Amino acid sequence: MASASNVLGTELKPCSMDPITGFFRDGCCRSGAEDLGLHLVCAQVTDDFLKFSKIRGNDLITPVPEFRFPGLKSGDRWCLCVLRWREALEAGVAPPVVLESTHISTLEFVDLADLQSHAVAP
């Protein structure tokens, strides 16, 4: 597989290995045909975002061991669905983003300037 690019046009860096994230649970925010949610945005989740996501029907707090999902807490890095991040942005609760670990395909849905205004150090 060819290496993927991030929103900065450089090589995509891993988002998190602890907890292990990514649709493919390989630490990277990349997608494939079977990833209907497009888990492309590497975010450092916040309590406000986690509460927002739960209200919107996606509980990221409660562990689900059968899916190798540990449950998230504020400060964890996680590959989010790009449209959920955009929805959180519009609601004023978008979590910080690791640009180096956010897949370039994110730019099909979100402006680079919005991502940059929420950037956190890698």
Protein backbone atom coordinates (compact mmCIF):
# COMPACT_ATOMS: atom_id res chain seq x y z
CA MET A 1 0.00 0.00 0.00
CA ALA A 2 1.28 3.45 -0.90
CA SER A 3 1.86 5.83 1.96
CA ALA A 4 -0.97 8.27 2.57
CA SER A 5 -0.69 12.04 2.83
CA ASN A 6 -1.95 14.36 5.54
CA VAL A 7 -3.73 17.71 5.14
CA LEU A 8 -0.32 19.44 4.96
CA GLY A 9 0.68 17.32 1.96
CA THR A 10 3.35 15.37 3.84
CA GLU A 11 3.39 11.74 4.96
CA LEU A 12 0.49 10.76 7.23
CA LYS A 13 1.74 10.17 10.77
CA PRO A 14 0.09 7.81 13.28
CA CYS A 15 -2.60 9.40 15.44
CA SER A 16 -2.57 7.12 18.49
CA MET A 17 -1.36 3.70 19.49
CA ASP A 18 -2.72 4.02 23.06
CA PRO A 19 -5.61 3.86 22.71
CA ILE A 20 -5.15 2.15 19.33
CA THR A 21 -7.22 4.11 16.83
CA GLY A 22 -8.14 4.17 13.17
CA PHE A 23 -10.81 2.33 11.27
CA PHE A 24 -8.28 -0.44 10.68
CA ARG A 25 -7.00 -0.21 14.29
CA ASP A 26 -3.48 0.49 13.06
CA GLY A 27 -3.07 3.89 14.72
CA CYS A 28 -3.63 5.86 11.49
CA CYS A 29 -6.56 7.94 10.30
CA ARG A 30 -7.06 6.41 6.89
CA SER A 31 -10.08 4.98 5.21
CA GLY A 32 -11.23 2.36 2.75
CA ALA A 33 -14.39 1.40 0.90
CA GLU A 34 -15.75 -0.39 3.98
CA ASP A 35 -15.31 2.71 6.20
CA LEU A 36 -18.65 4.41 5.70
CA GLY A 37 -17.90 6.91 8.48
CA LEU A 38 -14.65 8.18 6.93
CA HIS A 39 -12.48 8.13 10.09
CA LEU A 40 -10.00 10.71 8.77
CA VAL A 41 -9.55 13.40 11.43
CA CYS A 42 -6.98 12.87 14.18
CA ALA A 43 -8.46 14.73 17.12
CA GLN A 44 -7.48 15.20 20.73
CA VAL A 45 -10.89 14.73 22.27
CA THR A 46 -12.31 17.03 24.92
CA ASP A 47 -15.06 16.50 27.48
CA ASP A 48 -17.29 18.93 25.57
CA PHE A 49 -16.82 17.01 22.34
CA LEU A 50 -17.37 13.62 24.00
CA LYS A 51 -20.65 14.85 25.52
CA PHE A 52 -21.70 16.33 22.16
CA SER A 53 -20.93 13.10 20.32
CA LYS A 54 -22.89 11.03 22.85
CA ILE A 55 -25.91 13.32 22.52
CA ARG A 56 -25.64 12.90 18.73
CA GLY A 57 -25.82 9.12 19.10
CA ASN A 58 -22.14 8.13 19.11
CA ASP A 59 -21.03 7.24 22.64
CA LEU A 60 -17.23 7.40 22.61
CA ILE A 61 -16.99 7.25 26.40
CA THR A 62 -18.30 3.76 27.18
CA PRO A 63 -15.89 0.87 26.47
CA VAL A 64 -16.96 -1.73 23.88
CA PRO A 65 -14.42 -4.58 24.24
CA GLU A 66 -15.84 -6.67 21.38
CA PHE A 67 -14.79 -3.86 19.00
CA ARG A 68 -11.46 -3.31 20.78
CA PHE A 69 -12.77 0.07 21.92
CA PRO A 70 -11.51 1.17 25.35
CA GLY A 71 -13.74 4.21 25.78
CA LEU A 72 -12.21 7.67 25.52
CA LYS A 73 -11.40 10.37 28.03
CA SER A 74 -10.43 13.99 27.52
CA GLY A 75 -6.93 14.23 26.05
CA ASP A 76 -7.03 10.93 24.16
CA ARG A 77 -6.26 11.07 20.46
CA TRP A 78 -8.74 9.34 18.18
CA CYS A 79 -9.59 9.14 14.48
CA LEU A 80 -12.96 10.83 14.17
CA CYS A 81 -15.45 10.67 11.34
CA VAL A 82 -14.88 13.78 9.26
CA LEU A 83 -18.56 14.76 9.16
CA ARG A 84 -18.86 14.45 12.96
CA TRP A 85 -15.86 16.77 13.37
CA ARG A 86 -17.45 19.24 10.94
CA GLU A 87 -20.75 19.00 12.83
CA ALA A 88 -18.89 19.69 16.10
CA LEU A 89 -17.15 22.65 14.45
CA GLU A 90 -20.52 24.11 13.47
CA ALA A 91 -21.77 23.55 17.05
CA GLY A 92 -18.69 25.25 18.56
CA VAL A 93 -17.29 22.11 20.24
CA ALA A 94 -14.77 20.83 17.69
CA PRO A 95 -11.82 19.18 19.43
CA PRO A 96 -8.21 20.07 18.59
CA VAL A 97 -6.74 18.40 15.50
CA VAL A 98 -3.32 16.88 14.83
CA LEU A 99 -2.72 18.08 11.26
CA GLU A 100 0.20 15.72 10.62
CA SER A 101 -2.08 12.78 11.42
CA THR A 102 -5.25 13.97 9.66
CA HIS A 103 -5.78 12.37 6.25
CA ILE A 104 -5.68 14.62 3.16
CA SER A 105 -9.16 13.44 2.12
CA THR A 106 -10.50 15.50 5.04
CA LEU A 107 -10.08 18.55 2.79
CA GLU A 108 -12.98 17.31 0.64
CA PHE A 109 -15.26 18.10 3.61
CA VAL A 110 -13.51 20.69 5.80
CA ASP A 111 -11.48 23.82 4.99
CA LEU A 112 -7.79 23.70 5.85
CA ALA A 113 -8.17 27.05 7.64
CA ASP A 114 -10.75 25.53 10.03
CA LEU A 115 -8.41 22.63 10.75
CA GLN A 116 -5.46 24.97 11.26
CA SER A 117 -7.45 27.11 13.69
CA HIS A 118 -7.95 23.97 15.81
CA ALA A 119 -4.43 22.57 15.42
CA VAL A 120 -2.52 21.06 18.31
CA ALA A 121 1.15 20.04 18.34
CA PRO A 122 1.80 16.48 17.13
